[in-house]
Amino acid sequence: MIKTIFTAAVLVFASAAAFANTILVAPVNGNLYQQTVQSPCIFTNSSCQQGSFVGTPLDNGGSVTGYDATVSYTGSQILSIIGAGNALLLGLDINQASGQPAQTLTSFTMSINGVLADSTPGATSVPAGNNGNGYADYLLSNFSSFGANDTILFHFVFSNANDGTENVFLIGGPASSVPEPISVALTGSGLLGLLFLRKRFANR
């Protein structure tokens, strides 16, 4: 009897894991998402500006080789940052020591009301891509939707840490955009042209 119950429990757990929605992990090209400008961290060290939003502190890199941490929020806390109706996006800021091999995002999961909803497909190599502290090297997306009254649990497992602390943060604003020089020049010349036409018609 006990063996039957245990086998059933294992099958239920395996089925839940097998049908968890897949979290997409994609590299970010350029410094598009910055934790200190757009969003608070959910897994953090002291460099991430939190305001009133509480994150789970991680040990400073260099003294540890990995992380296994969880943090829980109400849906309303997250929605107040990302905006109701917007998809949940998370930035992962990688800190990798010079000359050291790429580190590993072992797993990242999101549970809703105690039920596993989303999971990365497996261990993912995450070499650092963007310079500067606070910028997302990777974007985590394709999370399940949730309501304001739901309880959201994030679980972050990271291996081979070899430098400063990795941060995971909510993206609550649009991607940063730095205009290219040619765009600035065209915009400026267009404004000058409009000013010239305005003066010309005013003198008639």
N, C-alpha and C. Protein backbone atom coordinates (compact mmCIF):
# COMPACT_ATOMS: atom_id res chain seq x y z
N MET A 1 0.83 -1.20 0.00
CA MET A 1 0.00 0.00 0.00
C MET A 1 0.87 1.26 0.00
N ILE A 2 1.85 1.29 0.91
CA ILE A 2 2.74 2.45 1.01
C ILE A 2 3.51 2.64 -0.30
N LYS A 3 3.97 1.51 -0.87
CA LYS A 3 4.71 1.57 -2.12
C LYS A 3 3.85 2.14 -3.24
N THR A 4 2.56 1.76 -3.25
CA THR A 4 1.63 2.26 -4.27
C THR A 4 1.43 3.76 -4.14
N ILE A 5 1.26 4.24 -2.90
CA ILE A 5 1.08 5.68 -2.66
C ILE A 5 2.33 6.44 -3.07
N PHE A 6 3.50 5.90 -2.72
CA PHE A 6 4.76 6.57 -3.08
C PHE A 6 4.91 6.65 -4.60
N THR A 7 4.60 5.56 -5.29
CA THR A 7 4.71 5.53 -6.75
C THR A 7 3.77 6.55 -7.38
N ALA A 8 2.55 6.64 -6.84
CA ALA A 8 1.58 7.61 -7.36
C ALA A 8 2.06 9.03 -7.15
N ALA A 9 2.65 9.30 -5.98
CA ALA A 9 3.16 10.64 -5.68
C ALA A 9 4.28 11.01 -6.64
N VAL A 10 5.17 10.07 -6.92
CA VAL A 10 6.27 10.33 -7.85
C VAL A 10 5.74 10.63 -9.24
N LEU A 11 4.72 9.87 -9.67
CA LEU A 11 4.14 10.08 -10.99
C LEU A 11 3.46 11.44 -11.10
N VAL A 12 2.76 11.85 -10.03
CA VAL A 12 2.12 13.16 -10.02
C VAL A 12 3.15 14.26 -10.12
N PHE A 13 4.24 14.14 -9.33
CA PHE A 13 5.30 15.15 -9.36
C PHE A 13 5.95 15.20 -10.73
N ALA A 14 6.24 14.04 -11.30
CA ALA A 14 6.88 13.99 -12.62
C ALA A 14 5.98 14.59 -13.68
N SER A 15 4.67 14.33 -13.57
CA SER A 15 3.74 14.88 -14.53
C SER A 15 3.68 16.40 -14.43
N ALA A 16 3.68 16.91 -13.19
CA ALA A 16 3.64 18.37 -13.00
C ALA A 16 4.88 19.02 -13.59
N ALA A 17 6.05 18.40 -13.37
CA ALA A 17 7.29 18.95 -13.91
C ALA A 17 7.31 18.88 -15.42
N ALA A 18 6.77 17.76 -15.97
CA ALA A 18 6.79 17.57 -17.41
C ALA A 18 5.91 18.58 -18.13
N PHE A 19 4.81 18.99 -17.48
CA PHE A 19 3.87 19.89 -18.12
C PHE A 19 4.06 21.34 -17.69
N ALA A 20 5.11 21.64 -16.97
CA ALA A 20 5.40 23.02 -16.62
C ALA A 20 5.70 23.81 -17.89
N ASN A 21 5.20 25.02 -17.95
CA ASN A 21 5.47 25.90 -19.09
C ASN A 21 6.97 26.20 -19.16
N THR A 22 7.51 26.32 -20.35
CA THR A 22 8.95 26.55 -20.50
C THR A 22 9.30 28.04 -20.45
N ILE A 23 10.19 28.41 -19.53
CA ILE A 23 10.73 29.76 -19.46
C ILE A 23 11.82 29.90 -20.52
N LEU A 24 11.73 30.93 -21.33
CA LEU A 24 12.74 31.18 -22.36
C LEU A 24 13.87 32.01 -21.78
N VAL A 25 15.11 31.63 -22.10
CA VAL A 25 16.31 32.35 -21.65
C VAL A 25 17.05 32.82 -22.90
N ALA A 26 17.07 34.14 -23.12
CA ALA A 26 17.67 34.67 -24.34
C ALA A 26 18.69 35.75 -24.01
N PRO A 27 19.86 35.76 -24.70
CA PRO A 27 20.84 36.81 -24.45
C PRO A 27 20.32 38.17 -24.89
N VAL A 28 20.73 39.21 -24.19
CA VAL A 28 20.33 40.58 -24.51
C VAL A 28 21.49 41.25 -25.25
N ASN A 29 21.22 41.76 -26.42
CA ASN A 29 22.24 42.45 -27.20
C ASN A 29 22.22 43.94 -26.87
N GLY A 30 23.24 44.38 -26.15
CA GLY A 30 23.31 45.78 -25.75
C GLY A 30 22.77 46.01 -24.36
N ASN A 31 23.02 47.20 -23.83
CA ASN A 31 22.59 47.54 -22.47
C ASN A 31 21.16 48.08 -22.52
N LEU A 32 20.20 47.18 -22.66
CA LEU A 32 18.80 47.58 -22.83
C LEU A 32 18.03 47.65 -21.53
N TYR A 33 18.38 46.82 -20.58
CA TYR A 33 17.61 46.73 -19.34
C TYR A 33 18.56 46.92 -18.16
N GLN A 34 18.27 47.94 -17.34
CA GLN A 34 19.13 48.25 -16.20
C GLN A 34 18.32 48.24 -14.92
N GLN A 35 18.78 47.45 -13.98
CA GLN A 35 18.04 47.25 -12.74
C GLN A 35 17.84 48.54 -11.96
N THR A 36 18.83 49.42 -11.93
CA THR A 36 18.74 50.62 -11.10
C THR A 36 17.87 51.69 -11.72
N VAL A 37 17.52 51.53 -13.00
CA VAL A 37 16.68 52.52 -13.67
C VAL A 37 15.24 52.04 -13.76
N GLN A 38 15.06 50.77 -14.11
CA GLN A 38 13.73 50.30 -14.43
C GLN A 38 13.04 49.54 -13.30
N SER A 39 13.78 48.73 -12.57
CA SER A 39 13.10 47.71 -11.80
C SER A 39 13.84 47.30 -10.54
N PRO A 40 13.11 46.77 -9.57
CA PRO A 40 13.78 46.23 -8.38
C PRO A 40 14.18 44.77 -8.56
N CYS A 41 15.17 44.35 -7.80
CA CYS A 41 15.65 42.97 -7.86
C CYS A 41 14.79 42.05 -7.00
N ILE A 42 14.64 40.81 -7.46
CA ILE A 42 14.03 39.78 -6.63
C ILE A 42 15.09 38.91 -5.96
N PHE A 43 16.23 38.74 -6.65
CA PHE A 43 17.42 38.13 -6.06
C PHE A 43 18.54 39.15 -6.24
N THR A 44 19.24 39.50 -5.15
CA THR A 44 20.01 40.73 -5.21
C THR A 44 21.23 40.75 -4.29
N ASN A 45 22.12 41.68 -4.59
CA ASN A 45 23.11 42.13 -3.61
C ASN A 45 22.86 43.61 -3.37
N SER A 46 23.72 44.26 -2.63
CA SER A 46 23.45 45.64 -2.23
C SER A 46 23.49 46.63 -3.38
N SER A 47 24.02 46.24 -4.55
CA SER A 47 24.14 47.18 -5.66
C SER A 47 22.80 47.46 -6.33
N CYS A 48 21.81 46.59 -6.13
CA CYS A 48 20.52 46.78 -6.77
C CYS A 48 19.65 47.70 -5.91
N GLN A 49 19.22 48.81 -6.49
CA GLN A 49 18.42 49.78 -5.75
C GLN A 49 17.00 49.27 -5.60
N GLN A 50 16.57 49.06 -4.36
CA GLN A 50 15.32 48.40 -4.10
C GLN A 50 14.14 49.32 -3.82
N GLY A 51 14.38 50.44 -3.19
CA GLY A 51 13.27 51.25 -2.72
C GLY A 51 12.50 50.47 -1.66
N SER A 52 11.18 50.42 -1.78
CA SER A 52 10.36 49.72 -0.80
C SER A 52 10.13 48.26 -1.17
N PHE A 53 10.61 47.84 -2.33
CA PHE A 53 10.42 46.47 -2.79
C PHE A 53 11.50 45.59 -2.17
N VAL A 54 11.09 44.50 -1.53
CA VAL A 54 12.04 43.65 -0.80
C VAL A 54 12.45 42.46 -1.65
N GLY A 55 13.76 42.29 -1.83
CA GLY A 55 14.28 41.14 -2.55
C GLY A 55 14.99 40.18 -1.61
N THR A 56 15.38 39.03 -2.13
CA THR A 56 16.14 38.06 -1.34
C THR A 56 17.62 38.29 -1.55
N PRO A 57 18.37 38.65 -0.50
CA PRO A 57 19.79 38.89 -0.66
C PRO A 57 20.56 37.60 -0.92
N LEU A 58 21.54 37.68 -1.79
CA LEU A 58 22.43 36.55 -2.08
C LEU A 58 23.81 36.87 -1.54
N ASP A 59 24.57 35.84 -1.17
CA ASP A 59 25.93 36.07 -0.71
C ASP A 59 26.76 36.69 -1.83
N ASN A 60 27.67 37.57 -1.44
CA ASN A 60 28.50 38.23 -2.43
C ASN A 60 29.35 37.22 -3.20
N GLY A 61 29.42 37.41 -4.51
CA GLY A 61 30.24 36.54 -5.34
C GLY A 61 31.69 36.58 -4.90
N GLY A 62 32.39 35.53 -5.18
CA GLY A 62 33.78 35.41 -4.75
C GLY A 62 33.89 34.55 -3.51
N SER A 63 32.85 34.61 -2.65
CA SER A 63 32.86 33.80 -1.44
C SER A 63 32.00 32.55 -1.59
N VAL A 64 31.24 32.47 -2.69
CA VAL A 64 30.39 31.31 -2.93
C VAL A 64 30.57 30.85 -4.37
N THR A 65 30.17 29.61 -4.66
CA THR A 65 30.27 29.10 -6.03
C THR A 65 28.91 28.90 -6.66
N GLY A 66 27.84 29.22 -5.92
CA GLY A 66 26.51 29.07 -6.49
C GLY A 66 25.43 29.53 -5.53
N TYR A 67 24.18 29.51 -6.02
CA TYR A 67 23.04 29.97 -5.23
C TYR A 67 21.90 28.97 -5.35
N ASP A 68 21.12 28.85 -4.30
CA ASP A 68 19.88 28.09 -4.31
C ASP A 68 18.94 28.85 -3.40
N ALA A 69 18.10 29.72 -3.99
CA ALA A 69 17.32 30.64 -3.17
C ALA A 69 15.89 30.75 -3.69
N THR A 70 14.98 31.08 -2.79
CA THR A 70 13.59 31.30 -3.15
C THR A 70 13.12 32.64 -2.61
N VAL A 71 12.08 33.19 -3.23
CA VAL A 71 11.45 34.40 -2.74
C VAL A 71 9.99 34.37 -3.17
N SER A 72 9.11 34.92 -2.31
CA SER A 72 7.68 34.86 -2.56
C SER A 72 7.08 36.27 -2.55
N TYR A 73 6.12 36.50 -3.45
CA TYR A 73 5.41 37.78 -3.53
C TYR A 73 3.93 37.52 -3.77
N THR A 74 3.13 38.53 -3.52
CA THR A 74 1.75 38.48 -3.99
C THR A 74 1.75 38.95 -5.44
N GLY A 75 0.75 38.51 -6.18
CA GLY A 75 0.65 38.96 -7.57
C GLY A 75 0.56 40.47 -7.65
N SER A 76 -0.13 41.10 -6.71
CA SER A 76 -0.30 42.56 -6.75
C SER A 76 1.03 43.29 -6.61
N GLN A 77 1.96 42.74 -5.82
CA GLN A 77 3.28 43.37 -5.68
C GLN A 77 4.02 43.41 -7.01
N ILE A 78 3.96 42.30 -7.74
CA ILE A 78 4.65 42.24 -9.03
C ILE A 78 3.94 43.10 -10.07
N LEU A 79 2.60 43.01 -10.10
CA LEU A 79 1.84 43.77 -11.09
C LEU A 79 1.98 45.27 -10.88
N SER A 80 2.23 45.69 -9.64
CA SER A 80 2.42 47.12 -9.39
C SER A 80 3.70 47.64 -10.04
N ILE A 81 4.64 46.73 -10.33
CA ILE A 81 5.90 47.10 -10.99
C ILE A 81 5.79 46.96 -12.50
N ILE A 82 5.26 45.84 -12.98
CA ILE A 82 5.25 45.59 -14.43
C ILE A 82 4.01 46.15 -15.10
N GLY A 83 2.98 46.45 -14.33
CA GLY A 83 1.74 46.97 -14.89
C GLY A 83 0.77 45.85 -15.23
N ALA A 84 -0.48 46.03 -14.83
CA ALA A 84 -1.50 45.03 -15.10
C ALA A 84 -1.65 44.81 -16.60
N GLY A 85 -1.75 43.56 -16.99
CA GLY A 85 -1.91 43.23 -18.40
C GLY A 85 -0.61 43.05 -19.16
N ASN A 86 0.52 43.39 -18.54
CA ASN A 86 1.81 43.23 -19.19
C ASN A 86 2.43 41.88 -18.84
N ALA A 87 3.18 41.32 -19.77
CA ALA A 87 3.84 40.04 -19.54
C ALA A 87 5.00 40.22 -18.56
N LEU A 88 5.21 39.22 -17.72
CA LEU A 88 6.33 39.24 -16.79
C LEU A 88 7.63 38.99 -17.55
N LEU A 89 8.59 39.89 -17.36
CA LEU A 89 9.93 39.74 -17.92
C LEU A 89 10.93 39.92 -16.79
N LEU A 90 11.96 39.07 -16.75
CA LEU A 90 13.00 39.20 -15.74
C LEU A 90 14.35 39.37 -16.42
N GLY A 91 15.17 40.25 -15.87
CA GLY A 91 16.53 40.43 -16.35
C GLY A 91 17.49 39.66 -15.45
N LEU A 92 18.48 39.02 -16.07
CA LEU A 92 19.52 38.29 -15.32
C LEU A 92 20.85 38.98 -15.61
N ASP A 93 21.42 39.58 -14.57
CA ASP A 93 22.71 40.27 -14.68
C ASP A 93 23.81 39.32 -14.26
N ILE A 94 24.68 38.96 -15.21
CA ILE A 94 25.77 38.02 -14.96
C ILE A 94 27.06 38.76 -14.63
N ASN A 95 27.75 38.28 -13.61
CA ASN A 95 29.08 38.79 -13.28
C ASN A 95 30.08 37.65 -13.42
N GLN A 96 30.96 37.77 -14.40
CA GLN A 96 31.89 36.70 -14.71
C GLN A 96 33.32 37.22 -14.63
N ALA A 97 34.16 36.54 -13.88
CA ALA A 97 35.55 36.95 -13.73
C ALA A 97 36.30 36.79 -15.05
N SER A 98 37.20 37.72 -15.31
CA SER A 98 37.99 37.68 -16.53
C SER A 98 38.80 36.39 -16.61
N GLY A 99 38.73 35.74 -17.77
CA GLY A 99 39.49 34.52 -17.98
C GLY A 99 38.84 33.27 -17.41
N GLN A 100 37.69 33.43 -16.74
CA GLN A 100 37.00 32.29 -16.15
C GLN A 100 35.96 31.73 -17.12
N PRO A 101 35.65 30.44 -17.01
CA PRO A 101 34.65 29.85 -17.92
C PRO A 101 33.25 30.37 -17.63
N ALA A 102 32.35 30.15 -18.59
CA ALA A 102 30.96 30.57 -18.43
C ALA A 102 30.33 29.88 -17.22
N GLN A 103 29.41 30.58 -16.60
CA GLN A 103 28.69 30.05 -15.45
C GLN A 103 27.39 29.39 -15.92
N THR A 104 26.64 28.81 -14.99
CA THR A 104 25.48 28.01 -15.37
C THR A 104 24.23 28.42 -14.60
N LEU A 105 23.17 28.73 -15.34
CA LEU A 105 21.85 28.87 -14.75
C LEU A 105 21.29 27.45 -14.66
N THR A 106 21.38 26.86 -13.49
CA THR A 106 20.97 25.47 -13.31
C THR A 106 19.47 25.32 -13.51
N SER A 107 18.69 26.19 -12.84
CA SER A 107 17.25 26.19 -13.06
C SER A 107 16.64 27.47 -12.50
N PHE A 108 15.53 27.85 -13.10
CA PHE A 108 14.73 28.96 -12.59
C PHE A 108 13.28 28.56 -12.76
N THR A 109 12.50 28.64 -11.67
CA THR A 109 11.10 28.24 -11.73
C THR A 109 10.20 29.29 -11.11
N MET A 110 8.93 29.28 -11.54
CA MET A 110 7.91 30.10 -10.91
C MET A 110 6.72 29.22 -10.57
N SER A 111 6.29 29.27 -9.32
CA SER A 111 5.10 28.55 -8.88
C SER A 111 3.99 29.55 -8.56
N ILE A 112 2.77 29.16 -8.85
CA ILE A 112 1.61 30.00 -8.56
C ILE A 112 0.72 29.24 -7.57
N ASN A 113 0.52 29.85 -6.41
CA ASN A 113 -0.29 29.23 -5.35
C ASN A 113 0.18 27.81 -5.02
N GLY A 114 1.50 27.64 -4.96
CA GLY A 114 2.08 26.37 -4.56
C GLY A 114 2.18 25.33 -5.65
N VAL A 115 1.78 25.68 -6.87
CA VAL A 115 1.84 24.72 -7.98
C VAL A 115 2.87 25.21 -9.00
N LEU A 116 3.81 24.33 -9.37
CA LEU A 116 4.82 24.69 -10.36
C LEU A 116 4.15 25.06 -11.67
N ALA A 117 4.43 26.28 -12.17
CA ALA A 117 3.82 26.75 -13.41
C ALA A 117 4.84 26.86 -14.54
N ASP A 118 6.03 27.36 -14.23
CA ASP A 118 7.02 27.65 -15.26
C ASP A 118 8.40 27.18 -14.82
N SER A 119 9.19 26.70 -15.80
CA SER A 119 10.53 26.22 -15.49
C SER A 119 11.43 26.37 -16.71
N THR A 120 12.70 26.69 -16.47
CA THR A 120 13.67 26.62 -17.55
C THR A 120 13.83 25.16 -17.95
N PRO A 121 14.17 24.89 -19.22
CA PRO A 121 14.18 23.50 -19.70
C PRO A 121 15.30 22.64 -19.15
N GLY A 122 16.30 23.25 -18.54
CA GLY A 122 17.44 22.50 -18.01
C GLY A 122 18.59 23.46 -17.74
N ALA A 123 19.74 22.93 -17.38
CA ALA A 123 20.91 23.77 -17.12
C ALA A 123 21.30 24.52 -18.39
N THR A 124 21.55 25.83 -18.26
CA THR A 124 21.87 26.68 -19.40
C THR A 124 23.17 27.42 -19.14
N SER A 125 24.11 27.32 -20.06
CA SER A 125 25.36 28.09 -19.95
C SER A 125 25.04 29.56 -20.19
N VAL A 126 25.53 30.43 -19.30
CA VAL A 126 25.19 31.86 -19.40
C VAL A 126 26.46 32.72 -19.30
N PRO A 127 27.26 32.74 -20.37
CA PRO A 127 28.43 33.61 -20.36
C PRO A 127 28.01 35.08 -20.32
N ALA A 128 28.79 35.91 -19.64
CA ALA A 128 28.48 37.33 -19.55
C ALA A 128 28.56 37.95 -20.94
N GLY A 129 27.63 38.88 -21.22
CA GLY A 129 27.61 39.49 -22.54
C GLY A 129 27.71 41.00 -22.53
N ASN A 130 27.21 41.65 -21.47
CA ASN A 130 27.18 43.12 -21.43
C ASN A 130 28.06 43.63 -20.30
N ASN A 131 28.78 44.69 -20.61
CA ASN A 131 29.63 45.30 -19.60
C ASN A 131 28.81 46.18 -18.67
N GLY A 132 29.31 46.36 -17.47
CA GLY A 132 28.67 47.28 -16.54
C GLY A 132 27.76 46.58 -15.57
N ASN A 133 27.83 47.00 -14.34
CA ASN A 133 26.99 46.41 -13.29
C ASN A 133 25.56 46.89 -13.45
N GLY A 134 24.62 45.96 -13.31
CA GLY A 134 23.22 46.35 -13.32
C GLY A 134 22.51 46.17 -14.63
N TYR A 135 23.20 45.76 -15.68
CA TYR A 135 22.56 45.54 -16.98
C TYR A 135 22.27 44.06 -17.18
N ALA A 136 21.11 43.77 -17.76
CA ALA A 136 20.72 42.39 -18.01
C ALA A 136 21.56 41.79 -19.13
N ASP A 137 22.16 40.64 -18.87
CA ASP A 137 22.83 39.87 -19.90
C ASP A 137 21.86 38.92 -20.57
N TYR A 138 20.81 38.52 -19.81
CA TYR A 138 19.81 37.59 -20.33
C TYR A 138 18.41 38.05 -19.95
N LEU A 139 17.47 37.73 -20.82
CA LEU A 139 16.07 38.04 -20.58
C LEU A 139 15.32 36.73 -20.38
N LEU A 140 14.61 36.62 -19.26
CA LEU A 140 13.77 35.46 -18.98
C LEU A 140 12.33 35.84 -19.29
N SER A 141 11.68 35.06 -20.15
CA SER A 141 10.33 35.42 -20.60
C SER A 141 9.46 34.18 -20.74
N ASN A 142 8.24 34.39 -21.22
CA ASN A 142 7.25 33.33 -21.45
C ASN A 142 6.72 32.74 -20.15
N PHE A 143 6.53 33.61 -19.15
CA PHE A 143 5.95 33.18 -17.88
C PHE A 143 4.43 33.09 -17.99
N SER A 144 3.84 32.26 -17.16
CA SER A 144 2.38 32.16 -17.09
C SER A 144 1.79 33.42 -16.49
N SER A 145 0.56 33.72 -16.87
CA SER A 145 -0.11 34.89 -16.29
C SER A 145 -0.64 34.54 -14.90
N PHE A 146 -0.87 35.57 -14.11
CA PHE A 146 -1.35 35.39 -12.74
C PHE A 146 -2.16 36.61 -12.33
N GLY A 147 -2.91 36.46 -11.24
CA GLY A 147 -3.74 37.55 -10.76
C GLY A 147 -3.17 38.23 -9.53
N ALA A 148 -3.79 39.33 -9.17
CA ALA A 148 -3.32 40.13 -8.03
C ALA A 148 -3.37 39.36 -6.72
N ASN A 149 -4.30 38.44 -6.58
CA ASN A 149 -4.47 37.71 -5.32
C ASN A 149 -3.67 36.41 -5.27
N ASP A 150 -2.95 36.08 -6.32
CA ASP A 150 -2.16 34.86 -6.34
C ASP A 150 -0.86 35.03 -5.56
N THR A 151 -0.33 33.92 -5.09
CA THR A 151 0.98 33.90 -4.43
C THR A 151 2.00 33.35 -5.42
N ILE A 152 3.06 34.13 -5.65
CA ILE A 152 4.08 33.78 -6.64
C ILE A 152 5.39 33.44 -5.93
N LEU A 153 5.94 32.28 -6.24
CA LEU A 153 7.21 31.85 -5.66
C LEU A 153 8.23 31.65 -6.78
N PHE A 154 9.37 32.32 -6.65
CA PHE A 154 10.49 32.14 -7.59
C PHE A 154 11.57 31.30 -6.92
N HIS A 155 12.18 30.41 -7.69
CA HIS A 155 13.27 29.57 -7.20
C HIS A 155 14.42 29.68 -8.18
N PHE A 156 15.58 30.12 -7.68
CA PHE A 156 16.75 30.43 -8.49
C PHE A 156 17.91 29.54 -8.06
N VAL A 157 18.40 28.71 -9.00
CA VAL A 157 19.54 27.83 -8.73
C VAL A 157 20.63 28.15 -9.76
N PHE A 158 21.82 28.47 -9.26
CA PHE A 158 22.91 28.93 -10.13
C PHE A 158 24.21 28.23 -9.73
N SER A 159 25.02 27.83 -10.73
CA SER A 159 26.24 27.08 -10.46
C SER A 159 27.47 27.78 -11.07
N ASN A 160 28.63 27.38 -10.60
CA ASN A 160 29.93 27.83 -11.13
C ASN A 160 30.16 29.33 -10.96
N ALA A 161 29.53 29.95 -9.96
CA ALA A 161 29.73 31.38 -9.74
C ALA A 161 31.21 31.66 -9.51
N ASN A 162 31.75 32.67 -10.19
CA ASN A 162 33.19 32.94 -10.07
C ASN A 162 33.53 34.42 -9.95
N ASP A 163 32.50 35.26 -9.77
CA ASP A 163 32.79 36.69 -9.63
C ASP A 163 31.73 37.33 -8.73
N GLY A 164 31.35 38.57 -9.01
CA GLY A 164 30.35 39.25 -8.20
C GLY A 164 29.00 38.56 -8.27
N THR A 165 28.11 38.95 -7.38
CA THR A 165 26.80 38.33 -7.27
C THR A 165 25.96 38.54 -8.53
N GLU A 166 25.29 37.49 -8.97
CA GLU A 166 24.32 37.62 -10.05
C GLU A 166 23.03 38.22 -9.48
N ASN A 167 22.37 39.05 -10.28
CA ASN A 167 21.10 39.65 -9.86
C ASN A 167 20.00 39.27 -10.83
N VAL A 168 18.81 39.01 -10.30
CA VAL A 168 17.63 38.78 -11.12
C VAL A 168 16.63 39.89 -10.77
N PHE A 169 16.15 40.61 -11.79
CA PHE A 169 15.29 41.75 -11.49
C PHE A 169 14.08 41.83 -12.41
N LEU A 170 13.02 42.41 -11.87
CA LEU A 170 11.79 42.65 -12.63
C LEU A 170 12.02 43.77 -13.63
N ILE A 171 11.51 43.59 -14.82
CA ILE A 171 11.61 44.64 -15.83
C ILE A 171 10.26 45.35 -15.86
N GLY A 172 10.26 46.54 -15.32
CA GLY A 172 9.02 47.28 -15.18
C GLY A 172 8.93 48.49 -16.07
N GLY A 173 9.80 48.60 -17.06
CA GLY A 173 9.77 49.73 -17.96
C GLY A 173 10.24 49.32 -19.33
N PRO A 174 10.12 50.22 -20.30
CA PRO A 174 10.56 49.88 -21.66
C PRO A 174 12.07 49.76 -21.74
N ALA A 175 12.54 49.09 -22.79
CA ALA A 175 13.97 48.96 -23.02
C ALA A 175 14.57 50.34 -23.21
N SER A 176 15.78 50.53 -22.69
CA SER A 176 16.48 51.79 -22.89
C SER A 176 16.84 51.92 -24.36
N SER A 177 16.89 53.13 -24.86
CA SER A 177 17.30 53.33 -26.25
C SER A 177 18.21 54.54 -26.34
N VAL A 178 19.37 54.35 -26.90
CA VAL A 178 20.32 55.44 -27.11
C VAL A 178 20.31 55.76 -28.59
N PRO A 179 19.86 56.96 -29.01
CA PRO A 179 19.76 57.26 -30.43
C PRO A 179 21.11 57.25 -31.11
N GLU A 180 21.15 56.69 -32.34
CA GLU A 180 22.39 56.67 -33.10
C GLU A 180 22.71 58.07 -33.59
N PRO A 181 24.00 58.38 -33.81
CA PRO A 181 24.39 59.72 -34.26
C PRO A 181 23.65 60.17 -35.51
N ILE A 182 23.45 59.26 -36.49
CA ILE A 182 22.78 59.66 -37.72
C ILE A 182 21.32 60.02 -37.46
N SER A 183 20.69 59.33 -36.50
CA SER A 183 19.31 59.63 -36.15
C SER A 183 19.21 61.01 -35.51
N VAL A 184 20.19 61.32 -34.63
CA VAL A 184 20.22 62.63 -34.00
C VAL A 184 20.40 63.72 -35.05
N ALA A 185 21.29 63.46 -36.02
CA ALA A 185 21.57 64.45 -37.07
C ALA A 185 20.33 64.68 -37.92
N LEU A 186 19.64 63.61 -38.31
CA LEU A 186 18.45 63.75 -39.13
C LEU A 186 17.34 64.47 -38.39
N THR A 187 17.19 64.16 -37.11
CA THR A 187 16.17 64.84 -36.31
C THR A 187 16.47 66.33 -36.20
N GLY A 188 17.74 66.65 -35.97
CA GLY A 188 18.15 68.05 -35.86
C GLY A 188 17.93 68.82 -37.15
N SER A 189 18.31 68.22 -38.29
CA SER A 189 18.15 68.90 -39.56
C SER A 189 16.67 69.07 -39.90
N GLY A 190 15.84 68.09 -39.51
CA GLY A 190 14.41 68.20 -39.75
C GLY A 190 13.80 69.34 -38.95
N LEU A 191 14.23 69.51 -37.71
CA LEU A 191 13.73 70.61 -36.88
C LEU A 191 14.15 71.96 -37.43
N LEU A 192 15.40 72.04 -37.93
CA LEU A 192 15.87 73.28 -38.53
C LEU A 192 15.06 73.63 -39.77
N GLY A 193 14.72 72.61 -40.56
CA GLY A 193 13.91 72.83 -41.76
C GLY A 193 12.54 73.35 -41.42
N LEU A 194 11.91 72.80 -40.40
CA LEU A 194 10.60 73.27 -39.97
C LEU A 194 10.66 74.70 -39.47
N LEU A 195 11.73 75.01 -38.74
CA LEU A 195 11.90 76.38 -38.23
C LEU A 195 12.06 77.37 -39.38
N PHE A 196 12.81 76.99 -40.42
CA PHE A 196 13.01 77.85 -41.59
C PHE A 196 11.69 78.12 -42.30
N LEU A 197 10.89 77.05 -42.50
CA LEU A 197 9.60 77.21 -43.17
C LEU A 197 8.65 78.08 -42.35
N ARG A 198 8.69 77.93 -41.04
CA ARG A 198 7.82 78.73 -40.20
C ARG A 198 8.15 80.21 -40.32
N LYS A 199 9.45 80.53 -40.32
CA LYS A 199 9.86 81.93 -40.44
C LYS A 199 9.51 82.49 -41.82
N ARG A 200 9.64 81.63 -42.85
CA ARG A 200 9.35 82.07 -44.21
C ARG A 200 7.89 82.43 -44.38
N PHE A 201 7.01 81.58 -43.84
CA PHE A 201 5.58 81.88 -43.95
C PHE A 201 5.19 83.05 -43.06
N ALA A 202 5.88 83.23 -41.97
CA ALA A 202 5.56 84.34 -41.06
C ALA A 202 5.91 85.68 -41.68
N ASN A 203 6.93 85.70 -42.59
CA ASN A 203 7.36 86.95 -43.20
C ASN A 203 6.52 87.33 -44.41
N ARG A 204 5.59 86.48 -44.85
CA ARG A 204 4.76 86.81 -46.02
C ARG A 204 3.65 87.78 -45.67
